[in-house]
N, C-alpha and C. Protein backbone atom coordinates (compact mmCIF):
# COMPACT_ATOMS: atom_id res chain seq x y z
N MET A 1 1.57 17.73 17.49
CA MET A 1 2.68 18.23 16.71
C MET A 1 3.69 17.11 16.51
N PHE A 2 4.22 17.00 15.31
CA PHE A 2 5.23 16.01 14.98
C PHE A 2 6.54 16.75 14.75
N GLN A 3 7.60 16.34 15.47
CA GLN A 3 8.87 17.04 15.42
C GLN A 3 9.97 16.13 14.90
N ILE A 4 10.72 16.64 13.92
CA ILE A 4 11.77 15.86 13.27
C ILE A 4 13.10 16.59 13.45
N ARG A 5 14.12 15.83 13.85
CA ARG A 5 15.47 16.39 13.97
C ARG A 5 16.37 15.70 12.95
N PHE A 6 17.07 16.50 12.17
CA PHE A 6 18.00 16.01 11.15
C PHE A 6 19.42 16.17 11.65
N HIS A 7 20.23 15.13 11.50
CA HIS A 7 21.65 15.20 11.84
C HIS A 7 22.45 14.87 10.59
N GLY A 8 23.46 15.66 10.33
CA GLY A 8 24.32 15.40 9.19
C GLY A 8 25.58 16.23 9.30
N ARG A 9 26.22 16.39 8.17
CA ARG A 9 27.44 17.20 8.12
C ARG A 9 27.25 18.30 7.09
N GLY A 10 27.95 19.40 7.31
CA GLY A 10 27.87 20.52 6.40
C GLY A 10 28.14 20.08 4.97
N GLY A 11 27.29 20.51 4.05
CA GLY A 11 27.45 20.14 2.65
C GLY A 11 26.57 18.98 2.21
N GLN A 12 25.87 18.33 3.16
CA GLN A 12 25.01 17.19 2.82
C GLN A 12 23.56 17.59 2.58
N GLY A 13 23.24 18.85 2.72
CA GLY A 13 21.87 19.29 2.50
C GLY A 13 20.95 19.08 3.68
N VAL A 14 21.49 19.10 4.88
CA VAL A 14 20.70 18.88 6.09
C VAL A 14 19.65 19.99 6.26
N VAL A 15 20.06 21.22 6.07
CA VAL A 15 19.16 22.36 6.22
C VAL A 15 18.10 22.33 5.11
N THR A 16 18.52 22.05 3.90
CA THR A 16 17.60 21.99 2.77
C THR A 16 16.57 20.87 2.97
N ALA A 17 17.00 19.74 3.53
CA ALA A 17 16.07 18.63 3.77
C ALA A 17 14.93 19.06 4.71
N ALA A 18 15.27 19.72 5.79
CA ALA A 18 14.24 20.18 6.74
C ALA A 18 13.31 21.18 6.06
N GLU A 19 13.88 22.07 5.27
CA GLU A 19 13.06 23.06 4.57
C GLU A 19 12.12 22.39 3.57
N MET A 20 12.63 21.42 2.81
CA MET A 20 11.77 20.74 1.84
C MET A 20 10.65 19.95 2.52
N LEU A 21 10.95 19.33 3.66
CA LEU A 21 9.92 18.60 4.39
C LEU A 21 8.84 19.56 4.89
N SER A 22 9.24 20.72 5.37
CA SER A 22 8.24 21.68 5.84
C SER A 22 7.38 22.19 4.68
N VAL A 23 7.98 22.39 3.52
CA VAL A 23 7.22 22.81 2.34
C VAL A 23 6.24 21.72 1.92
N ALA A 24 6.66 20.47 1.96
CA ALA A 24 5.78 19.35 1.60
C ALA A 24 4.57 19.32 2.53
N ALA A 25 4.79 19.50 3.83
CA ALA A 25 3.68 19.51 4.79
C ALA A 25 2.77 20.71 4.54
N PHE A 26 3.35 21.86 4.27
CA PHE A 26 2.58 23.06 3.99
C PHE A 26 1.69 22.86 2.76
N MET A 27 2.22 22.17 1.75
CA MET A 27 1.45 21.90 0.53
C MET A 27 0.24 21.00 0.81
N GLU A 28 0.29 20.28 1.92
CA GLU A 28 -0.82 19.41 2.32
C GLU A 28 -1.78 20.13 3.27
N GLY A 29 -1.58 21.43 3.42
CA GLY A 29 -2.50 22.22 4.24
C GLY A 29 -2.17 22.27 5.71
N ARG A 30 -0.99 21.83 6.06
CA ARG A 30 -0.61 21.84 7.48
C ARG A 30 0.33 23.01 7.77
N HIS A 31 0.52 23.28 9.03
CA HIS A 31 1.48 24.29 9.47
C HIS A 31 2.82 23.60 9.62
N ALA A 32 3.88 24.30 9.27
CA ALA A 32 5.21 23.70 9.37
C ALA A 32 6.25 24.79 9.55
N GLN A 33 7.34 24.41 10.17
CA GLN A 33 8.48 25.31 10.29
C GLN A 33 9.76 24.49 10.20
N ALA A 34 10.80 25.10 9.69
CA ALA A 34 12.10 24.45 9.59
C ALA A 34 13.16 25.49 9.92
N PHE A 35 14.18 25.05 10.65
CA PHE A 35 15.28 25.96 10.98
C PHE A 35 16.51 25.14 11.34
N PRO A 36 17.71 25.71 11.14
CA PRO A 36 18.95 24.99 11.41
C PRO A 36 19.57 25.38 12.75
N SER A 37 20.55 24.61 13.15
CA SER A 37 21.41 24.95 14.28
C SER A 37 22.83 24.64 13.83
N PHE A 38 23.63 25.67 13.76
CA PHE A 38 25.00 25.50 13.28
C PHE A 38 25.98 25.59 14.42
N GLY A 39 27.06 24.83 14.30
CA GLY A 39 28.22 25.01 15.17
C GLY A 39 29.21 25.76 14.30
N SER A 40 30.25 25.08 13.97
CA SER A 40 31.24 25.64 13.08
C SER A 40 30.70 25.46 11.66
N GLU A 41 30.57 26.55 10.93
CA GLU A 41 29.92 26.50 9.62
C GLU A 41 30.93 26.18 8.51
N ARG A 42 31.29 24.92 8.42
CA ARG A 42 32.20 24.51 7.35
C ARG A 42 31.78 23.14 6.85
N THR A 43 32.19 22.86 5.64
CA THR A 43 31.87 21.57 5.06
C THR A 43 32.44 20.46 5.94
N GLY A 44 31.60 19.49 6.24
CA GLY A 44 32.02 18.35 7.05
C GLY A 44 31.75 18.49 8.53
N ALA A 45 31.47 19.70 9.00
CA ALA A 45 31.18 19.90 10.43
C ALA A 45 29.77 19.38 10.73
N PRO A 46 29.54 18.88 11.95
CA PRO A 46 28.19 18.43 12.31
C PRO A 46 27.18 19.57 12.22
N VAL A 47 26.03 19.25 11.64
CA VAL A 47 24.95 20.22 11.47
C VAL A 47 23.66 19.54 11.93
N VAL A 48 22.80 20.32 12.58
CA VAL A 48 21.50 19.84 13.00
C VAL A 48 20.46 20.81 12.44
N SER A 49 19.38 20.26 11.92
CA SER A 49 18.26 21.11 11.52
C SER A 49 16.98 20.47 12.04
N PHE A 50 15.93 21.27 12.09
CA PHE A 50 14.70 20.85 12.73
C PHE A 50 13.50 21.15 11.83
N CYS A 51 12.47 20.34 11.99
CA CYS A 51 11.21 20.56 11.27
C CYS A 51 10.07 20.17 12.21
N ARG A 52 9.09 21.06 12.28
CA ARG A 52 7.88 20.78 13.04
C ARG A 52 6.70 20.81 12.09
N ILE A 53 5.75 19.89 12.30
CA ILE A 53 4.55 19.82 11.47
C ILE A 53 3.35 19.65 12.40
N ASP A 54 2.32 20.45 12.15
CA ASP A 54 1.13 20.38 12.99
C ASP A 54 -0.09 20.81 12.18
N ASP A 55 -1.27 20.50 12.69
CA ASP A 55 -2.50 20.93 12.05
C ASP A 55 -2.92 22.32 12.49
N LYS A 56 -2.25 22.83 13.50
CA LYS A 56 -2.55 24.19 13.96
C LYS A 56 -1.26 25.02 13.98
N GLU A 57 -1.40 26.30 14.19
CA GLU A 57 -0.25 27.21 14.17
C GLU A 57 0.81 26.76 15.17
N ILE A 58 2.06 26.87 14.76
CA ILE A 58 3.20 26.47 15.60
C ILE A 58 3.83 27.73 16.18
N ARG A 59 3.84 27.80 17.49
CA ARG A 59 4.39 28.98 18.15
C ARG A 59 5.78 28.74 18.74
N LEU A 60 6.15 27.49 18.89
CA LEU A 60 7.48 27.15 19.42
C LEU A 60 8.57 27.62 18.47
N ARG A 61 9.69 28.03 19.02
CA ARG A 61 10.82 28.45 18.19
C ARG A 61 12.15 27.85 18.65
N GLU A 62 12.11 27.05 19.70
CA GLU A 62 13.35 26.51 20.23
C GLU A 62 13.72 25.20 19.53
N PRO A 63 14.98 24.79 19.67
CA PRO A 63 15.42 23.51 19.08
C PRO A 63 14.58 22.35 19.62
N ILE A 64 14.52 21.30 18.84
CA ILE A 64 13.74 20.11 19.21
C ILE A 64 14.61 19.21 20.08
N LEU A 65 14.20 19.07 21.34
CA LEU A 65 14.94 18.26 22.29
C LEU A 65 14.37 16.85 22.40
N GLU A 66 13.09 16.68 22.09
CA GLU A 66 12.44 15.37 22.15
C GLU A 66 11.75 15.08 20.82
N PRO A 67 12.53 14.67 19.84
CA PRO A 67 11.97 14.44 18.50
C PRO A 67 11.08 13.21 18.41
N ASP A 68 10.10 13.31 17.51
CA ASP A 68 9.28 12.15 17.17
C ASP A 68 10.01 11.31 16.13
N ALA A 69 10.94 11.93 15.42
CA ALA A 69 11.70 11.22 14.39
C ALA A 69 13.09 11.81 14.28
N LEU A 70 14.04 10.93 13.99
CA LEU A 70 15.42 11.34 13.71
C LEU A 70 15.76 10.89 12.29
N ILE A 71 16.35 11.79 11.54
CA ILE A 71 16.87 11.44 10.23
C ILE A 71 18.37 11.71 10.29
N VAL A 72 19.16 10.65 10.16
CA VAL A 72 20.61 10.76 10.29
C VAL A 72 21.23 10.59 8.91
N GLN A 73 21.76 11.68 8.39
CA GLN A 73 22.32 11.68 7.04
C GLN A 73 23.74 11.12 7.00
N ASP A 74 24.43 11.07 8.13
CA ASP A 74 25.80 10.59 8.17
C ASP A 74 26.03 9.75 9.41
N PRO A 75 26.11 8.41 9.27
CA PRO A 75 26.24 7.54 10.44
C PRO A 75 27.57 7.69 11.18
N THR A 76 28.55 8.38 10.62
CA THR A 76 29.79 8.60 11.37
C THR A 76 29.54 9.52 12.57
N LEU A 77 28.41 10.20 12.58
CA LEU A 77 28.08 11.09 13.69
C LEU A 77 27.78 10.32 14.98
N PHE A 78 27.46 9.03 14.87
CA PHE A 78 27.17 8.23 16.06
C PHE A 78 28.35 8.23 17.03
N LYS A 79 29.56 8.40 16.50
CA LYS A 79 30.77 8.39 17.33
C LYS A 79 31.12 9.78 17.86
N VAL A 80 30.42 10.81 17.36
CA VAL A 80 30.78 12.19 17.68
C VAL A 80 29.71 12.89 18.51
N VAL A 81 28.43 12.60 18.21
CA VAL A 81 27.31 13.31 18.81
C VAL A 81 26.29 12.28 19.31
N ASP A 82 25.61 12.59 20.43
CA ASP A 82 24.54 11.72 20.90
C ASP A 82 23.28 12.07 20.11
N VAL A 83 23.18 11.54 18.90
CA VAL A 83 22.05 11.87 18.02
C VAL A 83 20.73 11.34 18.57
N PHE A 84 20.76 10.33 19.42
CA PHE A 84 19.54 9.71 19.91
C PHE A 84 18.95 10.42 21.13
N GLN A 85 19.63 11.41 21.62
CA GLN A 85 19.18 12.13 22.82
C GLN A 85 17.75 12.63 22.65
N GLY A 86 16.90 12.23 23.58
CA GLY A 86 15.52 12.71 23.61
C GLY A 86 14.55 12.02 22.67
N LEU A 87 15.01 11.08 21.85
CA LEU A 87 14.10 10.40 20.91
C LEU A 87 12.97 9.74 21.69
N LYS A 88 11.75 10.05 21.30
CA LYS A 88 10.58 9.52 22.00
C LYS A 88 10.50 8.00 21.85
N PRO A 89 9.97 7.30 22.86
CA PRO A 89 9.89 5.83 22.83
C PRO A 89 9.11 5.27 21.64
N ASN A 90 8.17 6.05 21.10
CA ASN A 90 7.41 5.58 19.94
C ASN A 90 7.90 6.27 18.66
N GLY A 91 9.12 6.80 18.72
CA GLY A 91 9.67 7.57 17.60
C GLY A 91 10.12 6.73 16.42
N TYR A 92 10.60 7.45 15.43
CA TYR A 92 11.11 6.85 14.19
C TYR A 92 12.59 7.17 14.04
N LEU A 93 13.32 6.26 13.44
CA LEU A 93 14.73 6.46 13.16
C LEU A 93 15.00 6.06 11.71
N LEU A 94 15.57 6.99 10.96
CA LEU A 94 15.94 6.72 9.58
C LEU A 94 17.41 7.08 9.41
N VAL A 95 18.22 6.11 9.00
CA VAL A 95 19.66 6.30 8.88
C VAL A 95 20.09 6.08 7.44
N ASN A 96 20.88 7.01 6.94
CA ASN A 96 21.47 6.88 5.61
C ASN A 96 22.67 5.95 5.69
N SER A 97 22.50 4.73 5.22
CA SER A 97 23.61 3.78 5.22
C SER A 97 23.25 2.58 4.35
N ASN A 98 24.28 2.01 3.74
CA ASN A 98 24.07 0.75 3.01
C ASN A 98 24.30 -0.44 3.94
N LYS A 99 24.62 -0.16 5.20
CA LYS A 99 24.76 -1.20 6.22
C LYS A 99 23.43 -1.34 6.95
N SER A 100 23.23 -2.49 7.55
CA SER A 100 22.03 -2.69 8.36
C SER A 100 22.19 -1.96 9.70
N LEU A 101 21.09 -1.75 10.38
CA LEU A 101 21.16 -1.10 11.69
C LEU A 101 21.97 -1.94 12.66
N SER A 102 21.92 -3.27 12.50
CA SER A 102 22.73 -4.17 13.33
C SER A 102 24.22 -3.96 13.06
N GLU A 103 24.56 -3.85 11.78
CA GLU A 103 25.97 -3.62 11.42
C GLU A 103 26.47 -2.27 11.92
N LEU A 104 25.54 -1.34 12.12
CA LEU A 104 25.90 -0.02 12.65
C LEU A 104 25.90 -0.03 14.19
N HIS A 105 25.67 -1.21 14.78
CA HIS A 105 25.66 -1.39 16.23
C HIS A 105 24.55 -0.58 16.90
N LEU A 106 23.38 -0.58 16.28
CA LEU A 106 22.24 0.17 16.80
C LEU A 106 21.13 -0.72 17.36
N ASP A 107 21.45 -1.98 17.62
CA ASP A 107 20.44 -2.92 18.10
C ASP A 107 19.76 -2.43 19.38
N LYS A 108 20.53 -1.86 20.29
CA LYS A 108 19.98 -1.39 21.56
C LYS A 108 18.97 -0.25 21.33
N VAL A 109 19.30 0.66 20.43
CA VAL A 109 18.40 1.77 20.11
C VAL A 109 17.15 1.25 19.42
N VAL A 110 17.32 0.37 18.44
CA VAL A 110 16.20 -0.17 17.68
C VAL A 110 15.25 -0.95 18.59
N ALA A 111 15.79 -1.66 19.58
CA ALA A 111 14.97 -2.46 20.50
C ALA A 111 14.04 -1.57 21.34
N GLN A 112 14.39 -0.32 21.51
CA GLN A 112 13.58 0.60 22.32
C GLN A 112 12.45 1.25 21.51
N LEU A 113 12.44 1.03 20.20
CA LEU A 113 11.43 1.62 19.33
C LEU A 113 10.42 0.56 18.88
N PRO A 114 9.22 0.97 18.51
CA PRO A 114 8.25 -0.01 17.99
C PRO A 114 8.79 -0.69 16.73
N LYS A 115 8.36 -1.92 16.53
CA LYS A 115 8.78 -2.68 15.33
C LYS A 115 8.42 -1.89 14.07
N GLY A 116 9.38 -1.81 13.16
CA GLY A 116 9.16 -1.11 11.91
C GLY A 116 9.37 0.40 11.97
N HIS A 117 9.81 0.92 13.10
CA HIS A 117 10.04 2.36 13.24
C HIS A 117 11.48 2.77 13.01
N ALA A 118 12.37 1.82 12.74
CA ALA A 118 13.78 2.14 12.52
C ALA A 118 14.26 1.43 11.26
N LEU A 119 14.82 2.21 10.35
CA LEU A 119 15.31 1.64 9.10
C LEU A 119 16.58 2.33 8.64
N ALA A 120 17.38 1.59 7.90
CA ALA A 120 18.52 2.16 7.19
C ALA A 120 18.18 2.13 5.71
N VAL A 121 18.58 3.17 5.01
CA VAL A 121 18.36 3.25 3.57
C VAL A 121 19.62 3.81 2.93
N ALA A 122 20.02 3.25 1.82
CA ALA A 122 21.24 3.69 1.13
C ALA A 122 20.94 4.96 0.31
N ALA A 123 20.57 6.03 1.00
CA ALA A 123 20.17 7.28 0.34
C ALA A 123 21.29 7.89 -0.49
N SER A 124 22.52 7.82 0.01
CA SER A 124 23.65 8.37 -0.76
C SER A 124 23.84 7.62 -2.07
N GLU A 125 23.59 6.31 -2.04
CA GLU A 125 23.72 5.51 -3.26
C GLU A 125 22.61 5.86 -4.26
N PHE A 126 21.39 6.08 -3.77
CA PHE A 126 20.31 6.51 -4.66
C PHE A 126 20.64 7.87 -5.28
N ALA A 127 21.19 8.76 -4.46
CA ALA A 127 21.56 10.08 -4.95
C ALA A 127 22.68 9.99 -5.98
N LEU A 128 23.68 9.18 -5.68
CA LEU A 128 24.80 9.01 -6.62
C LEU A 128 24.30 8.49 -7.96
N LYS A 129 23.40 7.54 -7.92
CA LYS A 129 22.87 6.95 -9.15
C LYS A 129 22.04 7.96 -9.95
N HIS A 130 21.19 8.72 -9.28
CA HIS A 130 20.25 9.60 -9.98
C HIS A 130 20.74 11.05 -10.13
N VAL A 131 21.47 11.54 -9.13
CA VAL A 131 21.90 12.94 -9.12
C VAL A 131 23.35 13.07 -9.58
N GLY A 132 24.12 12.01 -9.39
CA GLY A 132 25.53 12.05 -9.76
C GLY A 132 26.43 12.50 -8.63
N ARG A 133 25.84 12.78 -7.48
CA ARG A 133 26.59 13.18 -6.28
C ARG A 133 25.95 12.50 -5.07
N PRO A 134 26.74 12.15 -4.06
CA PRO A 134 26.18 11.45 -2.90
C PRO A 134 25.51 12.38 -1.88
N LEU A 135 24.55 13.18 -2.34
CA LEU A 135 23.81 14.09 -1.46
C LEU A 135 22.48 13.43 -1.08
N PRO A 136 22.37 12.92 0.15
CA PRO A 136 21.26 12.04 0.51
C PRO A 136 19.94 12.72 0.88
N ASN A 137 19.88 14.04 0.93
CA ASN A 137 18.71 14.69 1.53
C ASN A 137 17.39 14.36 0.84
N ALA A 138 17.29 14.49 -0.46
CA ALA A 138 16.03 14.23 -1.15
C ALA A 138 15.64 12.75 -1.05
N ALA A 139 16.59 11.87 -1.20
CA ALA A 139 16.31 10.44 -1.08
C ALA A 139 15.80 10.10 0.32
N LEU A 140 16.38 10.72 1.33
CA LEU A 140 15.93 10.47 2.70
C LEU A 140 14.50 10.96 2.91
N LEU A 141 14.11 12.04 2.24
CA LEU A 141 12.73 12.51 2.37
C LEU A 141 11.75 11.51 1.76
N GLY A 142 12.14 10.90 0.65
CA GLY A 142 11.30 9.85 0.07
C GLY A 142 11.17 8.66 1.01
N ALA A 143 12.29 8.26 1.60
CA ALA A 143 12.27 7.15 2.55
C ALA A 143 11.44 7.50 3.79
N PHE A 144 11.57 8.75 4.24
CA PHE A 144 10.81 9.22 5.40
C PHE A 144 9.31 9.16 5.12
N ALA A 145 8.90 9.57 3.94
CA ALA A 145 7.49 9.52 3.56
C ALA A 145 6.98 8.08 3.61
N ALA A 146 7.78 7.15 3.13
CA ALA A 146 7.37 5.74 3.13
C ALA A 146 7.35 5.17 4.55
N LEU A 147 8.32 5.54 5.36
CA LEU A 147 8.42 5.00 6.72
C LEU A 147 7.30 5.49 7.62
N THR A 148 7.00 6.79 7.56
CA THR A 148 6.07 7.38 8.53
C THR A 148 4.67 7.64 7.98
N GLY A 149 4.54 7.87 6.68
CA GLY A 149 3.26 8.26 6.12
C GLY A 149 2.86 9.68 6.51
N LEU A 150 3.76 10.43 7.09
CA LEU A 150 3.46 11.79 7.57
C LEU A 150 3.18 12.75 6.42
N VAL A 151 3.88 12.57 5.31
CA VAL A 151 3.65 13.37 4.11
C VAL A 151 3.54 12.42 2.92
N HIS A 152 2.89 12.87 1.87
CA HIS A 152 2.74 12.07 0.66
C HIS A 152 3.88 12.34 -0.31
N MET A 153 4.21 11.36 -1.12
CA MET A 153 5.30 11.52 -2.10
C MET A 153 5.00 12.64 -3.09
N LYS A 154 3.74 12.81 -3.44
CA LYS A 154 3.39 13.90 -4.36
C LYS A 154 3.84 15.25 -3.81
N SER A 155 3.65 15.45 -2.51
CA SER A 155 4.06 16.70 -1.86
C SER A 155 5.58 16.79 -1.74
N VAL A 156 6.23 15.67 -1.43
CA VAL A 156 7.69 15.65 -1.35
C VAL A 156 8.28 16.01 -2.71
N ASN A 157 7.76 15.39 -3.76
CA ASN A 157 8.24 15.69 -5.12
C ASN A 157 8.04 17.17 -5.47
N ALA A 158 6.89 17.72 -5.12
CA ALA A 158 6.62 19.13 -5.41
C ALA A 158 7.56 20.04 -4.63
N ALA A 159 7.86 19.68 -3.39
CA ALA A 159 8.79 20.48 -2.58
C ALA A 159 10.20 20.43 -3.17
N ILE A 160 10.60 19.27 -3.65
CA ILE A 160 11.92 19.14 -4.29
C ILE A 160 11.96 19.99 -5.56
N GLU A 161 10.89 19.92 -6.34
CA GLU A 161 10.83 20.71 -7.59
C GLU A 161 10.86 22.20 -7.32
N GLU A 162 10.33 22.61 -6.18
CA GLU A 162 10.35 24.02 -5.81
C GLU A 162 11.74 24.46 -5.32
N ALA A 163 12.48 23.53 -4.74
CA ALA A 163 13.77 23.86 -4.13
C ALA A 163 14.94 23.94 -5.12
N PHE A 164 14.83 23.22 -6.23
CA PHE A 164 15.97 23.11 -7.14
C PHE A 164 15.61 23.52 -8.56
N PRO A 165 16.61 23.91 -9.35
CA PRO A 165 16.37 24.14 -10.79
C PRO A 165 15.88 22.83 -11.43
N GLU A 166 15.20 22.95 -12.57
CA GLU A 166 14.49 21.83 -13.18
C GLU A 166 15.31 20.55 -13.34
N LYS A 167 16.50 20.64 -13.91
CA LYS A 167 17.31 19.45 -14.17
C LYS A 167 17.73 18.76 -12.86
N ILE A 168 18.16 19.56 -11.90
CA ILE A 168 18.58 19.02 -10.60
C ILE A 168 17.36 18.47 -9.85
N ALA A 169 16.24 19.17 -9.95
CA ALA A 169 15.01 18.72 -9.29
C ALA A 169 14.58 17.36 -9.83
N LYS A 170 14.62 17.20 -11.14
CA LYS A 170 14.20 15.94 -11.76
C LYS A 170 15.04 14.77 -11.24
N ALA A 171 16.36 14.98 -11.12
CA ALA A 171 17.25 13.93 -10.63
C ALA A 171 16.97 13.62 -9.16
N ASN A 172 16.74 14.66 -8.36
CA ASN A 172 16.45 14.46 -6.94
C ASN A 172 15.09 13.80 -6.73
N VAL A 173 14.11 14.13 -7.56
CA VAL A 173 12.81 13.47 -7.48
C VAL A 173 12.98 11.97 -7.78
N ALA A 174 13.80 11.65 -8.76
CA ALA A 174 14.05 10.23 -9.08
C ALA A 174 14.71 9.52 -7.90
N ALA A 175 15.66 10.16 -7.24
CA ALA A 175 16.32 9.56 -6.06
C ALA A 175 15.32 9.38 -4.92
N ALA A 176 14.49 10.39 -4.69
CA ALA A 176 13.48 10.32 -3.63
C ALA A 176 12.49 9.19 -3.88
N ASN A 177 12.05 9.07 -5.12
CA ASN A 177 11.09 8.01 -5.46
C ASN A 177 11.71 6.63 -5.37
N ALA A 178 12.98 6.51 -5.74
CA ALA A 178 13.67 5.22 -5.62
C ALA A 178 13.77 4.81 -4.14
N ALA A 179 14.10 5.76 -3.29
CA ALA A 179 14.19 5.47 -1.85
C ALA A 179 12.81 5.14 -1.28
N TYR A 180 11.81 5.89 -1.70
CA TYR A 180 10.43 5.62 -1.26
C TYR A 180 10.04 4.19 -1.62
N ASP A 181 10.28 3.81 -2.88
CA ASP A 181 9.93 2.47 -3.35
C ASP A 181 10.68 1.38 -2.57
N ALA A 182 11.96 1.64 -2.27
CA ALA A 182 12.76 0.66 -1.53
C ALA A 182 12.20 0.46 -0.12
N ILE A 183 11.84 1.55 0.53
CA ILE A 183 11.31 1.45 1.90
C ILE A 183 9.89 0.88 1.89
N ALA A 184 9.06 1.36 0.97
CA ALA A 184 7.69 0.84 0.88
C ALA A 184 7.70 -0.67 0.61
N GLY A 185 8.62 -1.11 -0.24
CA GLY A 185 8.75 -2.54 -0.52
C GLY A 185 9.24 -3.32 0.69
N ALA A 186 10.19 -2.74 1.43
CA ALA A 186 10.74 -3.41 2.62
C ALA A 186 9.69 -3.50 3.73
N THR A 187 8.90 -2.44 3.92
CA THR A 187 7.90 -2.47 4.98
C THR A 187 6.73 -3.38 4.60
N ALA A 188 6.41 -3.48 3.32
CA ALA A 188 5.32 -4.36 2.87
C ALA A 188 5.71 -5.83 3.06
N ALA A 189 7.02 -6.10 2.85
CA ALA A 189 7.50 -7.48 2.96
C ALA A 189 7.62 -7.92 4.41
N ALA A 190 7.76 -6.97 5.33
CA ALA A 190 7.99 -7.31 6.76
C ALA A 190 6.76 -7.83 7.45
């Protein structure tokens, strides 16, 4: 079973991102589940959502305490929440930022992960360019697909198209593909 924990703030599409990832996995014939964990339900408040993907039925229903991957939609959370808690030693880290992981002072965390398992991607900038708003969720899913290979972009695009009305879906698919291309290019060059 592969478990992903999303960290972000209310209004950034954290819950929708987990749901779209689970739909993408389901479209590939796998079992998947997605669910949120809310504190104070207001825009800007820290939000966590979870996604599990497996080849067999998933019976677990509790929050993910030891994720295989972390997707951090808002790096300001590093000062507020221990987002890295429980991250497996061979896990993945994807951070929405136009700064490098070094500039975000994450060298110690990155050093504990396998080479190439931690990346920053300017997902909000891709969203702003393609969607017109800095909502990083779809772009992060494209980057996640490139980083991990856990789901294919075709499935991610289909999940985005299922989640949004046509015009919004088209813009989010463009943001996701731009992020995918940026990460695929960066990992190929490394």
